[in-house]
C-alpha atoms as a PDB file:
ATOM      1  CA  SER A   1       0.000   0.000   0.000  1.00  0.00           C
ATOM      2  CA  MET A   2       1.265   3.464  -0.877  1.00  0.00           C
ATOM      3  CA  ALA A   3      -0.142   6.831   0.246  1.00  0.00           C
ATOM      4  CA  ILE A   4       0.075   9.665  -2.279  1.00  0.00           C
ATOM      5  CA  ASP A   5      -1.165  13.249  -2.376  1.00  0.00           C
ATOM      6  CA  LEU A   6      -4.303  14.150  -4.304  1.00  0.00           C
ATOM      7  CA  ALA A   7      -2.199  16.179  -6.758  1.00  0.00           C
ATOM      8  CA  ASP A   8       0.056  13.165  -7.435  1.00  0.00           C
ATOM      9  CA  SER A   9      -3.008  11.024  -8.119  1.00  0.00           C
ATOM     10  CA  ILE A  10      -4.056  13.500 -10.812  1.00  0.00           C
ATOM     11  CA  VAL A  11      -0.750  14.162 -12.597  1.00  0.00           C
ATOM     12  CA  GLY A  12       0.959  10.827 -11.961  1.00  0.00           C
ATOM     13  CA  GLY A  13       4.747  10.583 -11.977  1.00  0.00           C
ATOM     14  CA  LYS A  14       7.642   8.441 -10.904  1.00  0.00           C
ATOM     15  CA  ARG A  15       8.401   7.300  -7.352  1.00  0.00           C
ATOM     16  CA  ILE A  16      11.096   5.156  -5.821  1.00  0.00           C
ATOM     17  CA  ILE A  17       9.820   2.752  -3.200  1.00  0.00           C
ATOM     18  CA  GLY A  18      11.529   0.222  -0.989  1.00  0.00           C
ATOM     19  CA  VAL A  19      10.429  -3.382  -1.530  1.00  0.00           C
ATOM     20  CA  ASN A  20      11.135  -6.276   0.845  1.00  0.00           C
ATOM     21  CA  THR A  21      10.482  -9.897  -0.092  1.00  0.00           C
ATOM     22  CA  HIS A  22      11.789 -13.260   1.063  1.00  0.00           C
ATOM     23  CA  LEU A  23      14.313 -12.900  -1.805  1.00  0.00           C
ATOM     24  CA  GLY A  24      15.750  -9.642  -0.513  1.00  0.00           C
ATOM     25  CA  SER A  25      15.266  -5.878  -0.504  1.00  0.00           C
ATOM     26  CA  SER A  26      15.608  -3.280  -3.226  1.00  0.00           C
ATOM     27  CA  ASN A  27      14.486   0.145  -4.295  1.00  0.00           C
ATOM     28  CA  VAL A  28      12.134   0.103  -7.258  1.00  0.00           C
ATOM     29  CA  GLU A  29      11.093   3.000  -9.487  1.00  0.00           C
ATOM     30  CA  ILE A  30       7.398   2.881 -10.366  1.00  0.00           C
ATOM     31  CA  ASP A  31       5.193   5.019 -12.606  1.00  0.00           C
ATOM     32  CA  ILE A  32       2.085   6.347 -10.901  1.00  0.00           C
ATOM     33  CA  PRO A  33      -0.519   6.515 -13.672  1.00  0.00           C
ATOM     34  CA  LYS A  34      -2.401   9.789 -14.262  1.00  0.00           C
ATOM     35  CA  GLY A  35      -5.815   9.672 -12.644  1.00  0.00           C
ATOM     36  CA  VAL A  36      -5.161   6.740 -10.292  1.00  0.00           C
ATOM     37  CA  VAL A  37      -8.051   6.353  -7.829  1.00  0.00           C
ATOM     38  CA  HIS A  38      -8.141   5.612  -4.118  1.00  0.00           C
ATOM     39  CA  GLY A  39      -7.938   1.865  -3.471  1.00  0.00           C
ATOM     40  CA  GLU A  40      -6.761   1.030  -6.988  1.00  0.00           C
ATOM     41  CA  SER A  41      -4.142  -1.715  -7.289  1.00  0.00           C
ATOM     42  CA  ILE A  42      -1.560  -1.545 -10.079  1.00  0.00           C
ATOM     43  CA  ARG A  43       0.597  -4.498 -11.093  1.00  0.00           C
ATOM     44  CA  TYR A  44       4.231  -3.771 -12.007  1.00  0.00           C
ATOM     45  CA  GLY A  45       5.467  -6.875 -13.774  1.00  0.00           C
ATOM     46  CA  LYS A  46       8.804  -8.335 -12.656  1.00  0.00           C
ATOM     47  CA  ALA A  47       9.639  -5.177 -10.666  1.00  0.00           C
ATOM     48  CA  ALA A  48      10.224  -6.781  -7.263  1.00  0.00           C
ATOM     49  CA  PRO A  49      13.408  -8.603  -6.175  1.00  0.00           C
ATOM     50  CA  GLY A  50      13.873 -11.945  -7.904  1.00  0.00           C
ATOM     51  CA  GLY A  51      11.781 -10.816 -10.890  1.00  0.00           C
ATOM     52  CA  LEU A  52       8.519 -11.083  -8.967  1.00  0.00           C
ATOM     53  CA  ASP A  53       5.519  -8.965  -9.845  1.00  0.00           C
ATOM     54  CA  LEU A  54       4.933  -5.982  -7.577  1.00  0.00           C
ATOM     55  CA  ILE A  55       1.343  -4.968  -6.779  1.00  0.00           C
ATOM     56  CA  VAL A  56       0.859  -1.486  -5.313  1.00  0.00           C
ATOM     57  CA  ASN A  57      -2.445  -0.413  -3.756  1.00  0.00           C
ATOM     58  CA  PHE A  58      -2.769   3.376  -3.844  1.00  0.00           C
ATOM     59  CA  ARG A  59      -4.299   5.382  -1.008  1.00  0.00           C
ATOM     60  CA  ILE A  60      -5.068   9.020  -1.793  1.00  0.00           C
ATOM     61  CA  LYS A  61      -4.527  11.400   1.121  1.00  0.00           C
ATOM     62  CA  ALA A  62      -7.297  13.897   1.890  1.00  0.00           C
ATOM     63  CA  HIS A  63      -6.786  17.482   0.708  1.00  0.00           C
ATOM     64  CA  PRO A  64      -7.998  20.409   2.854  1.00  0.00           C
ATOM     65  CA  ASN A  65      -9.724  22.260  -0.020  1.00  0.00           C
ATOM     66  CA  TRP A  66     -10.460  19.722  -2.738  1.00  0.00           C
ATOM     67  CA  GLN A  67     -12.379  16.441  -2.972  1.00  0.00           C
ATOM     68  CA  ARG A  68     -12.379  14.020  -5.849  1.00  0.00           C
ATOM     69  CA  HIS A  69     -15.498  12.134  -6.961  1.00  0.00           C
ATOM     70  CA  GLY A  70     -14.662   9.883  -9.894  1.00  0.00           C
ATOM     71  CA  MET A  71     -13.074  12.132 -12.511  1.00  0.00           C
ATOM     72  CA  ASP A  72     -14.685  15.294 -11.058  1.00  0.00           C
ATOM     73  CA  MET A  73     -13.089  17.679  -8.588  1.00  0.00           C
ATOM     74  CA  HIS A  74     -15.085  19.640  -5.983  1.00  0.00           C
ATOM     75  CA  THR A  75     -14.168  22.688  -3.922  1.00  0.00           C
ATOM     76  CA  GLU A  76     -15.750  25.598  -2.067  1.00  0.00           C
ATOM     77  CA  ILE A  77     -14.593  29.169  -2.687  1.00  0.00           C
ATOM     78  CA  GLU A  78     -15.347  32.290  -0.689  1.00  0.00           C
ATOM     79  CA  VAL A  79     -16.822  35.029  -2.890  1.00  0.00           C
ATOM     80  CA  ASP A  80     -17.605  38.526  -1.719  1.00  0.00           C
ATOM     81  CA  PHE A  81     -21.269  39.439  -1.487  1.00  0.00           C
ATOM     82  CA  TRP A  82     -20.950  42.219  -4.100  1.00  0.00           C
ATOM     83  CA  THR A  83     -19.663  39.837  -6.777  1.00  0.00           C
ATOM     84  CA  LEU A  84     -22.651  37.584  -6.160  1.00  0.00           C
ATOM     85  CA  ILE A  85     -24.977  40.560  -6.612  1.00  0.00           C
ATOM     86  CA  VAL A  86     -23.419  42.335  -9.623  1.00  0.00           C
ATOM     87  CA  GLY A  87     -21.432  39.460 -11.145  1.00  0.00           C
ATOM     88  CA  GLY A  88     -17.765  39.299 -12.021  1.00  0.00           C
ATOM     89  CA  ASP A  89     -14.838  37.018 -12.611  1.00  0.00           C
ATOM     90  CA  ILE A  90     -12.971  35.121  -9.915  1.00  0.00           C
ATOM     91  CA  LYS A  91      -9.709  33.228 -10.194  1.00  0.00           C
ATOM     92  CA  ILE A  92      -9.435  29.622  -9.106  1.00  0.00           C
ATOM     93  CA  LEU A  93      -6.253  27.651  -8.508  1.00  0.00           C
ATOM     94  CA  ASP A  94      -6.817  23.902  -8.751  1.00  0.00           C
ATOM     95  CA  VAL A  95      -5.109  21.220  -6.691  1.00  0.00           C
ATOM     96  CA  VAL A  96      -2.161  20.959  -9.122  1.00  0.00           C
ATOM     97  CA  GLY A  97      -1.701  24.740  -9.445  1.00  0.00           C
ATOM     98  CA  LYS A  98      -3.471  25.329 -12.757  1.00  0.00           C
ATOM     99  CA  LYS A  99      -5.312  28.667 -12.954  1.00  0.00           C
ATOM    100  CA  TYR A 100      -8.895  29.093 -14.138  1.00  0.00           C
ATOM    101  CA  GLU A 101     -11.205  32.075 -14.416  1.00  0.00           C
ATOM    102  CA  LEU A 102     -14.807  31.552 -13.395  1.00  0.00           C
ATOM    103  CA  ARG A 103     -17.496  34.018 -14.479  1.00  0.00           C
ATOM    104  CA  ILE A 104     -20.100  34.683 -11.791  1.00  0.00           C
ATOM    105  CA  PRO A 105     -23.359  35.940 -13.322  1.00  0.00           C
ATOM    106  CA  PRO A 106     -25.272  38.802 -11.632  1.00  0.00           C
ATOM    107  CA  ARG A 107     -27.780  37.780  -8.935  1.00  0.00           C
ATOM    108  CA  THR A 108     -26.022  34.497  -8.105  1.00  0.00           C
ATOM    109  CA  ASN A 109     -27.283  32.889  -4.911  1.00  0.00           C
ATOM    110  CA  PRO A 110     -24.857  31.986  -2.119  1.00  0.00           C
ATOM    111  CA  GLY A 111     -24.285  28.234  -2.119  1.00  0.00           C
ATOM    112  CA  SER A 112     -24.657  27.978  -5.896  1.00  0.00           C
ATOM    113  CA  VAL A 113     -22.437  25.438  -7.617  1.00  0.00           C
ATOM    114  CA  MET A 114     -20.630  26.500 -10.793  1.00  0.00           C
ATOM    115  CA  ARG A 115     -19.100  24.041 -13.275  1.00  0.00           C
ATOM    116  CA  LEU A 116     -15.854  24.252 -15.234  1.00  0.00           C
ATOM    117  CA  GLY A 117     -16.407  21.614 -17.905  1.00  0.00           C
ATOM    118  CA  LYS A 118     -13.634  19.160 -18.789  1.00  0.00           C
ATOM    119  CA  CYS A 119     -11.213  20.752 -16.315  1.00  0.00           C
ATOM    120  CA  GLY A 120     -11.200  17.902 -13.775  1.00  0.00           C
ATOM    121  CA  VAL A 121      -9.171  14.693 -13.798  1.00  0.00           C
ATOM    122  CA  PHE A 122      -7.833  13.316 -17.084  1.00  0.00           C
ATOM    123  CA  ARG A 123      -7.177   9.624 -17.509  1.00  0.00           C
ATOM    124  CA  ASP A 124      -6.527   7.438 -20.533  1.00  0.00           C
ATOM    125  CA  ARG A 125      -9.660   5.819 -21.961  1.00  0.00           C
ATOM    126  CA  HIS A 126     -11.955   7.984 -19.779  1.00  0.00           C
ATOM    127  CA  ASN A 127     -13.871  11.177 -20.418  1.00  0.00           C
ATOM    128  CA  PRO A 128     -12.265  14.145 -18.640  1.00  0.00           C
ATOM    129  CA  GLY A 129     -13.939  15.196 -15.437  1.00  0.00           C
ATOM    130  CA  ASP A 130     -15.295  18.598 -14.440  1.00  0.00           C
ATOM    131  CA  ILE A 131     -14.514  21.029 -11.651  1.00  0.00           C
ATOM    132  CA  PHE A 132     -17.458  21.992  -9.443  1.00  0.00           C
ATOM    133  CA  VAL A 133     -17.127  25.147  -7.348  1.00  0.00           C
ATOM    134  CA  LYS A 134     -19.553  25.886  -4.523  1.00  0.00           C
ATOM    135  CA  LEU A 135     -19.784  29.622  -3.850  1.00  0.00           C
ATOM    136  CA  LYS A 136     -19.656  30.648  -0.219  1.00  0.00           C
ATOM    137  CA  ALA A 137     -20.730  34.254   0.364  1.00  0.00           C
ATOM    138  CA  ILE A 138     -18.639  36.487   2.592  1.00  0.00           C
ATOM    139  CA  MET A 139     -20.081  39.741   3.825  1.00  0.00           C
ATOM    140  CA  PRO A 140     -18.064  42.934   3.538  1.00  0.00           C
ATOM    141  CA  THR A 141     -16.786  44.240   6.854  1.00  0.00           C
ATOM    142  CA  GLN A 142     -17.530  47.869   5.976  1.00  0.00           C
ATOM    143  CA  ILE A 143     -20.582  49.016   4.033  1.00  0.00           C
ATOM    144  CA  PRO A 144     -20.993  52.757   3.411  1.00  0.00           C
ATOM    145  CA  GLU A 145     -24.123  54.277   5.027  1.00  0.00           C
ATOM    146  CA  GLU A 146     -25.486  55.522   1.689  1.00  0.00           C
ATOM    147  CA  ILE A 147     -25.540  51.918   0.382  1.00  0.00           C
ATOM    148  CA  ILE A 148     -27.316  50.709   3.527  1.00  0.00           C
ATOM    149  CA  ASP A 149     -29.861  53.542   3.164  1.00  0.00           C
ATOM    150  CA  THR A 150     -30.450  52.646  -0.502  1.00  0.00           C
ATOM    151  CA  ILE A 151     -30.951  48.980   0.371  1.00  0.00           C
ATOM    152  CA  LYS A 152     -33.412  49.942   3.140  1.00  0.00           C
ATOM    153  CA  LYS A 153     -35.423  52.100   0.690  1.00  0.00           C
ATOM    154  CA  TYR A 154     -35.431  49.323  -1.881  1.00  0.00           C
ATOM    155  CA  LYS A 155     -36.466  46.733   0.721  1.00  0.00           C
ATOM    156  CA  ILE A 156     -39.476  48.854   1.725  1.00  0.00           C
ATOM    157  CA  ASN A 157     -40.625  49.033  -1.920  1.00  0.00           C
ATOM    158  CA  ILE A 158     -40.619  45.264  -2.472  1.00  0.00           C
END
């Protein structure tokens, strides 16, 4: 069993691991396939000491801001209240450091989930996943009195 970061499970890469068998010990370089999933076992033929097959079961460590569901990635982003009201663009940095711009339409409700199509996990012989972003509203700490007065007048007229 081998624990890897969520980012490593998405981009793959090479790792050197120590292998002990009844035939001896050695360090073995393995390729982590792009898109490997939690609990998946990969067979590396004749990679262990004595020419034995090596089977590695991958465990994906939890990430504080991102969750993976199949080929899709999910996160929650704080967005200021004004952007939710008037709309605007926000920048998102995914788990591997790739930047995306997400357009928030005017009058977006807090808690809405936005989708970035085909920006999730890529894996051979699979359709690319999506990124889903849940918008968490944050209130401004200072609101000018004239804006509060305007909102009060508008609220009365509803």
